[in-house]
Protein backbone atom coordinates (compact mmCIF):
# COMPACT_ATOMS: atom_id res chain seq x y z
CA UNK A 1 129.22 98.82 35.37
CA UNK A 2 130.67 102.35 34.66
CA UNK A 3 131.37 102.45 38.76
CA UNK A 4 133.66 99.11 38.57
CA UNK A 5 135.35 100.51 35.68
CA UNK A 6 136.06 103.90 37.04
CA UNK A 7 137.24 101.73 40.96
CA UNK A 8 139.70 99.67 38.28
CA UNK A 9 141.08 102.87 36.80
CA UNK A 10 141.57 104.31 40.00
CA UNK A 11 142.94 100.89 41.25
CA UNK A 12 145.66 101.00 38.71
CA UNK A 13 146.62 104.42 38.62
CA UNK A 14 147.23 104.27 41.96
CA UNK A 15 149.25 101.12 41.52
CA UNK A 16 151.09 102.77 38.80
CA UNK A 17 151.75 105.70 41.52
CA UNK A 18 152.69 103.31 44.22
CA UNK A 19 155.03 101.97 42.22
CA UNK A 20 156.64 105.02 40.99
CA UNK A 21 157.31 105.70 43.99
CA UNK A 22 159.10 102.81 45.36
CA UNK A 23 161.51 102.80 42.36
CA UNK A 24 162.06 106.52 42.99
CA UNK A 25 162.87 105.24 46.29
CA UNK A 26 164.83 102.31 44.89
CA UNK A 27 166.90 104.80 42.70
CA UNK A 28 167.49 107.10 45.74
CA UNK A 29 168.93 104.11 47.63
CA UNK A 30 170.34 102.40 44.91
CA UNK A 31 173.92 101.21 45.95
CA UNK A 32 176.61 103.52 44.20
CA UNK A 33 179.81 102.03 42.49
CA UNK A 34 182.99 103.72 43.33
CA UNK A 35 186.51 103.19 43.08
CA UNK A 36 186.53 100.98 46.30
CA UNK A 37 183.50 99.15 45.55
CA UNK A 38 179.82 98.99 45.95
CA UNK A 39 177.98 101.40 48.56
CA UNK A 40 174.45 101.10 50.18
CA UNK A 41 174.03 104.59 51.21
CA UNK A 42 170.69 106.36 52.62
CA UNK A 43 169.12 109.64 51.78
CA UNK A 44 167.39 112.17 53.63
CA UNK A 45 166.00 115.31 52.59
CA UNK A 46 167.86 115.73 49.47
CA UNK A 47 171.49 114.40 50.65
CA UNK A 48 172.84 111.28 50.28
CA UNK A 49 175.05 110.08 52.80
CA UNK A 50 177.66 107.00 53.15
CA UNK A 51 179.13 106.41 56.50
CA UNK A 52 181.36 103.72 58.32
CA UNK A 53 183.66 103.65 54.52
CA UNK A 54 186.82 102.71 55.19
CA UNK A 55 189.76 104.76 54.21
CA UNK A 56 192.80 102.57 55.54
CA UNK A 57 193.45 99.14 56.90
CA UNK A 58 191.91 98.65 60.68
CA UNK A 59 195.08 99.45 62.69
CA UNK A 60 194.99 96.55 64.50
CA UNK A 61 197.57 93.40 65.51
CA UNK A 62 200.71 93.95 63.71
CA UNK A 63 199.41 97.53 62.24
CA UNK A 64 199.20 99.06 65.61
CA UNK A 65 201.40 102.16 66.19
CA UNK A 66 202.36 101.22 62.27
CA UNK A 67 201.58 104.07 59.85
CA UNK A 68 197.96 103.52 57.97
CA UNK A 69 197.79 100.96 55.22
CA UNK A 70 195.56 101.43 51.81
CA UNK A 71 192.70 99.46 52.48
CA UNK A 72 191.88 96.84 49.40
CA UNK A 73 188.53 96.83 47.18
CA UNK A 74 185.76 95.06 48.38
CA UNK A 75 183.41 92.43 47.01
CA UNK A 76 179.59 92.73 46.77
CA UNK A 77 177.61 95.79 48.31
CA UNK A 78 178.98 97.16 51.56
CA UNK A 79 176.37 98.59 53.90
CA UNK A 80 176.89 102.32 54.41
CA UNK A 81 174.33 103.36 56.40
CA UNK A 82 175.44 103.26 59.76
CA UNK A 83 178.79 105.24 61.63
CA UNK A 84 181.91 102.86 62.39
CA UNK A 85 183.08 102.51 65.92
CA UNK A 86 184.51 105.52 67.76
CA UNK A 87 188.75 105.20 67.85
CA UNK A 88 189.97 103.90 71.32
CA UNK A 89 189.65 106.25 74.13
CA UNK A 90 188.28 106.86 77.38
CA UNK A 91 184.60 107.84 77.28
CA UNK A 92 183.47 111.24 77.30
CA UNK A 93 180.84 113.75 76.14
CA UNK A 94 183.42 114.64 73.33
CA UNK A 95 182.71 111.73 71.47
CA UNK A 96 179.25 110.18 72.91
CA UNK A 97 176.03 111.44 74.49
CA UNK A 98 175.47 108.30 76.30
CA UNK A 99 176.83 109.25 79.45
CA UNK A 100 176.84 105.22 80.69
CA UNK A 101 179.76 105.28 78.71
CA UNK A 102 181.67 108.26 80.34
CA UNK A 103 185.21 107.52 82.41
CA UNK A 104 185.66 103.82 81.27
CA UNK A 105 187.36 102.49 78.04
CA UNK A 106 185.15 103.51 74.81
CA UNK A 107 185.28 102.82 71.22
CA UNK A 108 187.92 100.10 69.37
CA UNK A 109 191.26 100.09 67.61
CA UNK A 110 189.42 99.21 64.43
CA UNK A 111 188.37 102.82 63.90
CA UNK A 112 189.91 104.28 60.60
CA UNK A 113 186.50 105.11 58.97
CA UNK A 114 184.88 108.45 57.23
CA UNK A 115 181.31 109.20 56.65
CA UNK A 116 180.42 111.75 53.27
CA UNK A 117 177.18 113.57 52.68
CA UNK A 118 176.58 114.45 49.26
CA UNK A 119 173.26 117.00 47.79
CA UNK A 120 171.79 114.44 45.58
CA UNK A 121 171.20 117.26 42.88
CA UNK A 122 173.48 117.12 40.27
CA UNK A 123 175.57 120.34 39.17
CA UNK A 124 178.66 119.04 38.51
CA UNK A 125 181.89 118.85 41.11
CA UNK A 126 181.22 120.33 44.10
CA UNK A 127 183.59 121.70 46.65
CA UNK A 128 184.65 119.52 49.03
CA UNK A 129 184.74 120.10 52.72
CA UNK A 130 186.62 117.57 55.16
CA UNK A 131 186.04 118.24 58.77
CA UNK A 132 188.90 117.17 61.55
CA UNK A 133 187.04 116.89 65.35
CA UNK A 134 188.55 118.46 68.09
CA UNK A 135 188.99 116.15 72.00
CA UNK A 136 192.64 117.37 72.78
CA UNK A 137 193.93 114.39 70.61
CA UNK A 138 192.91 112.26 73.13
CA UNK A 139 188.70 112.20 72.84
CA UNK A 140 186.20 112.29 70.49
CA UNK A 141 184.40 110.94 67.12
CA UNK A 142 183.36 111.86 63.95
CA UNK A 143 179.91 109.96 64.80
CA UNK A 144 178.67 112.61 67.62
CA UNK A 145 175.36 114.10 66.41
CA UNK A 146 176.59 117.59 66.91
CA UNK A 147 178.93 116.86 63.67
CA UNK A 148 176.03 114.98 61.66
CA UNK A 149 177.10 116.86 58.35
CA UNK A 150 173.60 116.40 56.31
CA UNK A 151 172.51 119.91 56.83
CA UNK A 152 175.70 121.41 56.37
CA UNK A 153 175.93 119.70 52.53
CA UNK A 154 172.82 120.90 51.89
CA UNK A 155 173.61 124.61 52.62
CA UNK A 156 176.89 124.58 51.39
CA UNK A 157 176.07 122.74 47.91
CA UNK A 158 179.14 120.65 49.06
CA UNK A 159 180.53 117.30 49.80
CA UNK A 160 181.28 117.06 53.33
CA UNK A 161 183.72 114.27 54.29
CA UNK A 162 183.88 113.64 58.43
CA UNK A 163 187.03 111.10 59.97
CA UNK A 164 187.80 109.48 62.60
CA UNK A 165 191.62 109.26 63.41
CA UNK A 166 193.65 107.27 66.45
CA UNK A 167 193.66 109.52 69.18
CA UNK A 168 195.79 109.08 72.66
CA UNK A 169 198.17 106.79 73.55
CA UNK A 170 197.21 104.63 69.89
CA UNK A 171 197.16 108.39 68.19
CA UNK A 172 201.43 109.08 69.14
CA UNK A 173 203.76 106.71 70.78
CA UNK A 174 207.34 107.65 70.65
CA UNK A 175 209.85 104.75 71.52
CA UNK A 176 212.91 103.39 69.72
CA UNK A 177 211.66 100.10 70.22
CA UNK A 178 208.71 100.25 67.76
CA UNK A 179 210.83 101.71 65.20
CA UNK A 180 210.77 99.98 61.58
CA UNK A 181 213.21 101.58 59.74
CA UNK A 182 210.86 103.76 57.71
CA UNK A 183 210.88 107.39 58.63
CA UNK A 184 207.81 108.33 57.98
CA UNK A 185 205.81 105.12 60.16
CA UNK A 186 209.24 105.95 62.87
CA UNK A 187 207.64 109.68 63.05
CA UNK A 188 205.75 108.42 66.01
CA UNK A 189 202.32 110.43 65.28
CA UNK A 190 199.51 108.63 63.78
CA UNK A 191 197.26 110.51 63.75
CA UNK A 192 198.14 113.04 62.09
CA UNK A 193 199.21 110.19 59.72
CA UNK A 194 195.77 108.65 59.76
CA UNK A 195 194.52 112.62 58.56
CA UNK A 196 197.18 112.41 55.50
CA UNK A 197 195.43 109.33 54.68
CA UNK A 198 192.00 110.46 54.50
CA UNK A 199 192.89 113.23 52.80
CA UNK A 200 194.73 110.66 50.01
CA UNK A 201 191.13 109.16 50.21
CA UNK A 202 189.85 112.19 49.21
CA UNK A 203 191.86 112.82 46.30
CA UNK A 204 191.27 109.24 45.19
CA UNK A 205 187.41 108.97 46.00
CA UNK A 206 185.83 112.06 46.34
CA UNK A 207 184.99 112.24 42.58
CA UNK A 208 182.69 109.00 43.15
CA UNK A 209 180.36 111.44 45.65
CA UNK A 210 180.15 114.28 43.19
CA UNK A 211 183.23 116.22 45.16
CA UNK A 212 185.98 118.04 43.41
CA UNK A 213 189.38 116.94 44.24
CA UNK A 214 191.08 119.89 43.76
CA UNK A 215 188.77 122.07 45.83
CA UNK A 216 188.81 120.72 49.24
CA UNK A 217 188.94 122.77 52.37
CA UNK A 218 190.15 121.51 55.63
CA UNK A 219 187.64 122.38 58.51
CA UNK A 220 189.59 121.49 61.89
CA UNK A 221 187.97 122.42 65.37
CA UNK A 222 190.72 122.32 68.65
CA UNK A 223 192.78 119.62 68.09
CA UNK A 224 191.63 119.16 64.64
CA UNK A 225 192.43 123.01 64.17
CA UNK A 226 195.80 121.88 65.22
CA UNK A 227 195.89 119.78 63.05
CA UNK A 228 195.52 121.82 60.25
CA UNK A 229 198.90 123.61 61.29
CA UNK A 230 200.25 120.24 61.30
CA UNK A 231 199.01 119.23 57.85
CA UNK A 232 200.17 123.12 56.46
CA UNK A 233 203.50 122.23 57.39
CA UNK A 234 203.79 118.40 55.78
CA UNK A 235 204.75 118.09 52.31
CA UNK A 236 203.01 114.86 52.80
CA UNK A 237 199.72 116.85 52.34
CA UNK A 238 200.85 118.59 49.53
CA UNK A 239 198.25 119.28 46.94
CA UNK A 240 195.30 117.46 48.96
CA UNK A 241 193.76 120.71 50.36
CA UNK A 242 193.47 124.35 49.05
CA UNK A 243 192.09 126.05 51.92
CA UNK A 244 191.81 125.49 55.38
CA UNK A 245 189.01 126.96 58.00
CA UNK A 246 190.92 126.61 61.74
CA UNK A 247 188.45 126.66 64.29
CA UNK A 248 190.15 127.67 68.22
CA UNK A 249 193.44 126.03 67.31
CA UNK A 250 196.93 127.14 67.13
CA UNK A 251 200.55 125.78 65.54
CA UNK A 252 202.10 123.18 68.00
CA UNK A 253 205.17 121.37 68.12
CA UNK A 254 206.74 119.11 70.74
CA UNK A 255 210.19 118.57 70.91
CA UNK A 256 211.76 115.28 70.81
CA UNK A 257 212.82 114.66 74.58
CA UNK A 258 209.06 116.13 75.51
CA UNK A 259 207.79 113.21 73.22
CA UNK A 260 210.04 110.07 74.88
CA UNK A 261 208.78 111.77 78.25
CA UNK A 262 205.44 111.17 77.46
CA UNK A 263 206.02 107.65 75.81
CA UNK A 264 208.19 106.89 79.49
CA UNK A 265 204.98 108.22 81.06
CA UNK A 266 203.16 105.13 79.73
CA UNK A 267 205.18 102.71 80.41
CA UNK A 268 205.84 103.75 84.08
CA UNK A 269 201.74 103.64 84.32
CA UNK A 270 202.38 100.18 82.74
CA UNK A 271 204.42 99.25 85.69
CA UNK A 272 202.51 99.96 88.14
CA UNK A 273 199.35 98.03 87.02
CA UNK A 274 198.82 94.97 88.16
CA UNK A 275 198.73 91.65 85.96
CA UNK A 276 200.60 93.20 83.11
CA UNK A 277 203.74 91.35 81.32
CA UNK A 278 206.57 91.53 83.23
CA UNK A 279 208.59 93.16 81.17
CA UNK A 280 207.57 96.04 82.67
CA UNK A 281 208.42 95.55 85.92
CA UNK A 282 211.84 95.60 84.66
CA UNK A 283 213.85 98.76 85.90
CA UNK A 284 214.78 99.69 81.85
CA UNK A 285 212.43 97.81 79.50
CA UNK A 286 214.04 99.75 76.36
CA UNK A 287 217.24 97.67 77.46
CA UNK A 288 215.57 94.90 75.21
CA UNK A 289 213.61 96.13 72.27
CA UNK A 290 212.26 93.25 70.76
CA UNK A 291 210.71 92.38 74.09
CA UNK A 292 209.47 95.60 75.05
CA UNK A 293 207.99 95.68 71.35
CA UNK A 294 206.28 92.40 71.65
CA UNK A 295 205.39 93.14 75.25
CA UNK A 296 203.53 96.44 73.88
CA UNK A 297 201.98 94.84 70.74
CA UNK A 298 200.39 92.08 73.30
CA UNK A 299 198.45 94.89 75.56
CA UNK A 300 195.18 94.65 75.48
CA UNK A 301 193.13 97.56 74.23
CA UNK A 302 191.66 97.95 77.64
CA UNK A 303 194.69 97.79 79.22
CA UNK A 304 196.51 100.23 76.96
CA UNK A 305 193.70 103.00 77.57
CA UNK A 306 193.67 102.24 80.98
CA UNK A 307 197.44 103.01 81.15
CA UNK A 308 197.33 105.88 78.57
CA UNK A 309 194.50 107.64 80.91
CA UNK A 310 195.83 111.38 81.64
CA UNK A 311 198.39 111.36 79.30
CA UNK A 312 198.03 114.41 76.89
CA UNK A 313 198.65 114.24 73.52
CA UNK A 314 201.02 116.16 71.80
CA UNK A 315 201.94 117.74 68.53
CA UNK A 316 205.27 115.72 66.47
CA UNK A 317 208.58 116.86 65.93
CA UNK A 318 209.44 118.73 63.34
CA UNK A 319 212.06 115.75 61.44
CA UNK A 320 211.82 116.94 57.88
CA UNK A 321 209.90 114.05 56.41
CA UNK A 322 206.54 114.61 57.99
CA UNK A 323 206.62 117.93 59.42
CA UNK A 324 209.25 120.37 57.64
CA UNK A 325 212.40 121.41 59.33
CA UNK A 326 211.42 125.36 59.50
CA UNK A 327 213.15 127.49 62.07
CA UNK A 328 211.72 130.80 60.17
CA UNK A 329 208.24 129.57 60.85
CA UNK A 330 207.43 129.17 56.74
CA UNK A 331 204.97 126.71 56.00
CA UNK A 332 205.15 124.28 52.97
CA UNK A 333 202.04 124.15 52.03
CA UNK A 334 200.20 127.88 53.18
CA UNK A 335 196.60 128.09 51.42
CA UNK A 336 193.80 130.88 52.18
CA UNK A 337 192.13 130.55 55.66
CA UNK A 338 189.37 131.44 58.06
CA UNK A 339 190.51 131.59 61.78
CA UNK A 340 188.21 131.51 64.44
CA UNK A 341 187.93 131.94 68.01
CA UNK A 342 185.23 132.45 70.74
CA UNK A 343 185.31 135.20 73.52
CA UNK A 344 185.58 133.10 76.54
CA UNK A 345 187.82 130.28 75.26
CA UNK A 346 189.40 129.35 78.71
CA UNK A 347 186.06 129.32 80.52
CA UNK A 348 184.73 125.66 80.08
CA UNK A 349 188.15 124.51 79.59
CA UNK A 350 189.29 125.53 82.93
CA UNK A 351 185.83 124.91 85.36
CA UNK A 352 186.38 121.02 85.53
CA UNK A 353 190.23 121.90 87.02
CA UNK A 354 189.29 125.19 88.95
CA UNK A 355 185.63 124.63 90.09
CA UNK A 356 186.86 121.18 90.61
CA UNK A 357 183.97 119.78 88.85
CA UNK A 358 184.20 116.52 87.47
CA UNK A 359 183.09 115.56 83.50
CA UNK A 360 180.28 113.36 85.35
CA UNK A 361 179.30 116.15 87.37
CA UNK A 362 179.46 118.72 84.83
CA UNK A 363 177.42 116.77 82.28
CA UNK A 364 175.14 116.37 85.58
CA UNK A 365 174.58 120.21 86.26
CA UNK A 366 174.16 121.13 82.57
CA UNK A 367 170.95 118.69 82.21
CA UNK A 368 169.81 120.57 85.37
CA UNK A 369 166.72 123.00 85.58
CA UNK A 370 169.38 126.66 84.93
CA UNK A 371 167.11 128.11 87.97
CA UNK A 372 167.84 126.11 89.94
CA UNK A 373 171.68 126.45 89.88
CA UNK A 374 174.06 129.30 91.47
CA UNK A 375 177.68 129.49 91.11
CA UNK A 376 177.71 127.06 94.70
CA UNK A 377 177.34 124.08 92.52
CA UNK A 378 180.45 124.48 90.49
CA UNK A 379 182.37 126.39 93.26
CA UNK A 380 183.13 125.63 96.64
CA UNK A 381 184.05 129.24 97.69
CA UNK A 382 183.99 132.71 97.03
CA UNK A 383 187.86 132.45 96.94
CA UNK A 384 187.64 129.20 94.53
CA UNK A 385 185.51 131.60 92.17
CA UNK A 386 187.51 134.19 92.41
CA UNK A 387 190.54 132.54 91.43
CA UNK A 388 189.03 130.96 88.39
CA UNK A 389 187.63 134.17 87.19
CA UNK A 390 190.85 135.30 87.30
CA UNK A 391 192.64 132.02 85.72
CA UNK A 392 190.03 132.85 82.43
CA UNK A 393 190.76 136.43 82.04
CA UNK A 394 194.68 135.55 81.69
CA UNK A 395 194.09 132.56 79.66
CA UNK A 396 191.91 134.66 77.57
CA UNK A 397 194.03 136.96 76.81
CA UNK A 398 197.12 134.31 76.21
CA UNK A 399 195.21 132.07 74.02
CA UNK A 400 193.55 134.79 71.67
CA UNK A 401 197.11 136.70 71.18
CA UNK A 402 198.57 133.06 70.31
CA UNK A 403 195.34 132.62 67.75
CA UNK A 404 195.69 136.26 66.28
CA UNK A 405 199.89 135.57 66.16
CA UNK A 406 199.35 132.19 63.78
CA UNK A 407 196.56 134.12 61.64
CA UNK A 408 199.48 136.69 61.16
CA UNK A 409 201.93 134.05 60.14
CA UNK A 410 199.91 132.56 57.59
CA UNK A 411 198.92 135.76 56.01
CA UNK A 412 202.29 136.64 55.60
CA UNK A 413 202.78 133.51 53.53
CA UNK A 414 198.70 133.05 51.64
CA UNK A 415 196.36 135.04 51.24
CA UNK A 416 193.59 135.43 51.87
CA UNK A 417 193.19 134.97 55.19
CA UNK A 418 190.43 136.07 57.14
CA UNK A 419 189.84 136.23 61.22
CA UNK A 420 186.95 135.80 63.27
CA UNK A 421 185.66 136.26 66.56
CA UNK A 422 182.58 134.52 67.95
CA UNK A 423 180.86 135.97 71.07
CA UNK A 424 177.40 134.74 70.89
CA UNK A 425 176.22 134.11 75.01
CA UNK A 426 172.59 134.55 74.56
CA UNK A 427 172.36 131.57 77.62
CA UNK A 428 170.30 131.42 80.39
CA UNK A 429 172.06 132.21 83.67
CA UNK A 430 174.35 131.12 85.81
CA UNK A 431 175.48 129.92 82.36
CA UNK A 432 176.26 133.25 80.39
CA UNK A 433 178.38 134.70 83.31
CA UNK A 434 179.98 131.21 83.99
CA UNK A 435 180.93 130.11 80.55
CA UNK A 436 179.96 132.64 77.74
CA UNK A 437 180.80 132.05 74.52
CA UNK A 438 182.32 129.14 75.41
CA UNK A 439 184.81 127.19 73.78
CA UNK A 440 183.20 125.16 71.33
CA UNK A 441 180.16 126.81 70.88
CA UNK A 442 180.85 128.04 67.41
CA UNK A 443 180.86 124.11 66.43
CA UNK A 444 177.04 123.84 66.69
CA UNK A 445 176.34 126.87 64.85
CA UNK A 446 178.62 126.02 61.92
CA UNK A 447 176.62 122.37 61.52
CA UNK A 448 173.33 124.11 62.39
CA UNK A 449 172.79 121.03 64.86
CA UNK A 450 171.20 122.75 67.85
CA UNK A 451 170.08 119.52 69.73
CA UNK A 452 167.94 120.00 72.56
CA UNK A 453 165.67 116.68 73.01
CA UNK A 454 168.24 114.39 73.79
CA UNK A 455 171.22 114.72 76.77
CA UNK A 456 174.52 116.61 74.61
CA UNK A 457 177.45 119.18 76.08
CA UNK A 458 175.69 122.04 74.50
CA UNK A 459 172.12 121.35 76.27
CA UNK A 460 172.09 124.11 78.80
CA UNK A 461 173.56 126.81 75.55
CA UNK A 462 169.97 127.71 74.29
CA UNK A 463 166.22 127.30 75.17
CA UNK A 464 163.18 126.68 71.95
CA UNK A 465 162.64 130.51 72.64
CA UNK A 466 166.30 131.08 71.02
CA UNK A 467 165.67 129.39 67.56
CA UNK A 468 165.29 132.49 65.78
CA UNK A 469 168.73 133.76 67.05
CA UNK A 470 170.42 130.40 66.75
CA UNK A 471 169.52 130.37 63.22
CA UNK A 472 170.31 133.79 62.33
CA UNK A 473 173.93 133.65 63.58
CA UNK A 474 173.88 130.03 61.71
CA UNK A 475 173.21 131.88 58.40
CA UNK A 476 175.94 134.38 59.11
CA UNK A 477 178.45 131.34 59.36
CA UNK A 478 177.20 129.81 56.09
CA UNK A 479 177.16 132.14 53.81
CA UNK A 480 180.67 132.78 55.07
CA UNK A 481 181.55 129.40 54.79
CA UNK A 482 180.27 128.55 51.38
CA UNK A 483 181.36 131.84 49.45
CA UNK A 484 184.83 130.80 51.10
CA UNK A 485 184.65 127.05 49.85
CA UNK A 486 183.30 128.48 46.67
CA UNK A 487 185.91 131.27 45.56
CA UNK A 488 187.70 132.29 49.11
CA UNK A 489 185.41 135.02 49.61
CA UNK A 490 183.46 134.66 52.34
CA UNK A 491 181.22 138.33 51.57
CA UNK A 492 180.11 136.70 48.43
CA UNK A 493 176.69 135.36 49.42
CA UNK A 494 176.40 138.05 52.43
CA UNK A 495 175.15 141.92 51.87
CA UNK A 496 175.41 142.21 55.72
CA UNK A 497 178.70 141.17 56.43
CA UNK A 498 181.67 142.43 54.54
CA UNK A 499 184.42 140.31 56.32
CA UNK A 500 187.88 142.31 56.21
CA UNK A 501 191.26 140.33 55.25
CA UNK A 502 193.07 139.95 58.13
CA UNK A 503 196.48 142.11 57.62
CA UNK A 504 198.52 144.80 60.47
CA UNK A 505 195.91 146.27 61.29
CA UNK A 506 194.00 143.06 63.09
CA UNK A 507 190.29 143.05 61.91
CA UNK A 508 187.49 140.85 63.37
CA UNK A 509 184.98 139.74 61.84
CA UNK A 510 182.27 139.57 64.83
CA UNK A 511 179.52 136.90 64.94
CA UNK A 512 177.18 137.62 67.75
């Protein structure tokens, strides 16, 4: 009988332990009550995540080419364990790792969603890091695995937020026919307005995720960094962030004439397309603004994407409402900053043009065995490679000078400002000679997402043998960013690197 009693005791204990585990799991996945409504998130390795949270009403139908509108609270529990759709664009490796979507309409106009990662252990309000992805203003998605914020949130001890924003022709269109009389809407750069709306969401809601709305750092890469500069120029963003981390981008601004020329280019491409509204076939569609407006709103997403293909994004014009009119380059919101660049900014950006390598071909090459590659796979002639090398050298010098100038511009108005140059380039040949420390290489080192098991744009950059070196450089950046977002001091957690403040002596912190 004692054996039976012992078996029953073991069974009861096992049942209790199993139940405790179930309840603990339910505790971790328990819906979160937020000011918008209940969210069903997920948890992994000590970090909670809430994906696909709406920060504005879907910009579809009558809200296309309109300023983002506040979203309404929802009833019930909203599923928040999956990313929302990327914003409408031509598929590219800046938005997806699935090559089946390349060079075709991809994503949706219903895309104004953000994602939140937060450490589970509660220690009071945490710093907030808001990430704005790059992609030249025409590509990109917060759901790209490269931008998964789990590790970053855990190691920074911060709430990490990533956002989608409208891109390409949906992100900016400057036409009188679209004007509503609201000067903010008539600004026409809707992607920037989306980003400001996302910062509004952070101010109003990040406390629900243990974030400190009074300690927000905006980190942007490439076009996202250009957005950082626009946010520092906009009174609409005043008080909504306290620091910036700017990766490989500079202040940009466009004239009204250039913006209208870009919009006219869109109309001209619509004219050349079969089966579009007859209004576009007219000599001057803008002669009847209401008809033109109706025709533009009547375009399918796919038609608008196709007509917008190849049209570059542009920053907005200083209008005095969204972007300040400051001929002396004075910023509305100068804040402490880390400003970074890579040593070979131009190498990958130019190779698809000078080397005549289309993105689909480049995707194939970067997933090939490097031992079987040589320069001839990228350049049809020695002359073409020489032209490329000279173009890279010139463009690198020009771009780095502009980044230095932007750092000095900000340093004259805010303190402290730090500047780093990323020069790790220990990849295999021929990649080291072709690309080196290329545009965007620092991003996986920031997030700590060194993908190698699945296809991705950084696939060629390292092998499993590099992991120790990758982690070493990752720690340099994590220690610096953690100290900066907490206390404006990137040297706080590092005994190895003591970051110099950027001043007239122009000192870089080398990351290599």
